[in-house]
Amino acid sequence: MATLLWIIAVVLVIAGIVSIFRGQMLWGIVLIVVGLLVGPGGVSVFH
């Protein structure tokens, strides 16, 4: 389960960074914050 959360978190953060570079600042920040919350290293919502 932890591996799956890491993969989801990494995908969300990368998608957020790509969104910021494409000019969608708010959506990018939201994706990065959600990615950090989901990741086991951060404040996990499922923990």
Protein backbone atom coordinates (compact mmCIF):
# COMPACT_ATOMS: atom_id res chain seq x y z
CA MET A 1 0.00 0.00 0.00
CA ALA A 2 2.85 2.39 0.81
CA THR A 3 4.38 1.80 -2.62
CA LEU A 4 1.08 2.61 -4.31
CA LEU A 5 0.76 5.83 -2.30
CA TRP A 6 4.32 6.83 -3.29
CA ILE A 7 3.54 6.25 -6.97
CA ILE A 8 0.32 8.28 -6.76
CA ALA A 9 2.11 11.09 -4.89
CA VAL A 10 4.94 11.24 -7.44
CA VAL A 11 2.51 11.31 -10.36
CA LEU A 12 0.48 14.11 -8.75
CA VAL A 13 3.55 16.23 -8.01
CA ILE A 14 4.94 15.77 -11.53
CA ALA A 15 1.54 16.63 -13.01
CA GLY A 16 1.45 19.74 -10.80
CA ILE A 17 4.89 20.87 -11.98
CA VAL A 18 3.91 20.31 -15.61
CA SER A 19 0.70 22.29 -15.07
CA ILE A 20 2.66 25.22 -13.60
CA PHE A 21 4.98 25.25 -16.62
CA ARG A 22 1.95 25.22 -18.93
CA GLY A 23 0.59 28.34 -17.21
CA GLN A 24 -2.05 26.77 -14.98
CA MET A 25 -0.62 28.02 -11.70
CA LEU A 26 -3.58 27.30 -9.38
CA TRP A 27 -4.19 23.78 -10.71
CA GLY A 28 -0.47 23.00 -10.46
CA ILE A 29 -0.28 24.13 -6.84
CA VAL A 30 -3.37 22.09 -5.96
CA LEU A 31 -1.89 18.96 -7.54
CA ILE A 32 1.44 19.41 -5.73
CA VAL A 33 -0.25 19.95 -2.35
CA VAL A 34 -2.49 16.91 -2.84
CA GLY A 35 0.55 14.87 -3.90
CA LEU A 36 2.42 15.87 -0.76
CA LEU A 37 -0.59 15.02 1.42
CA VAL A 38 -1.07 11.59 -0.16
CA GLY A 39 2.60 10.60 0.01
CA PRO A 40 3.62 8.43 2.96
CA GLY A 41 6.45 10.86 3.72
CA GLY A 42 3.98 13.70 4.18
CA VAL A 43 0.75 13.90 6.10
CA SER A 44 -0.97 10.87 4.68
CA VAL A 45 -4.74 11.05 4.51
CA PHE A 46 -4.99 7.26 4.66
CA HIS A 47 -2.76 6.85 7.71
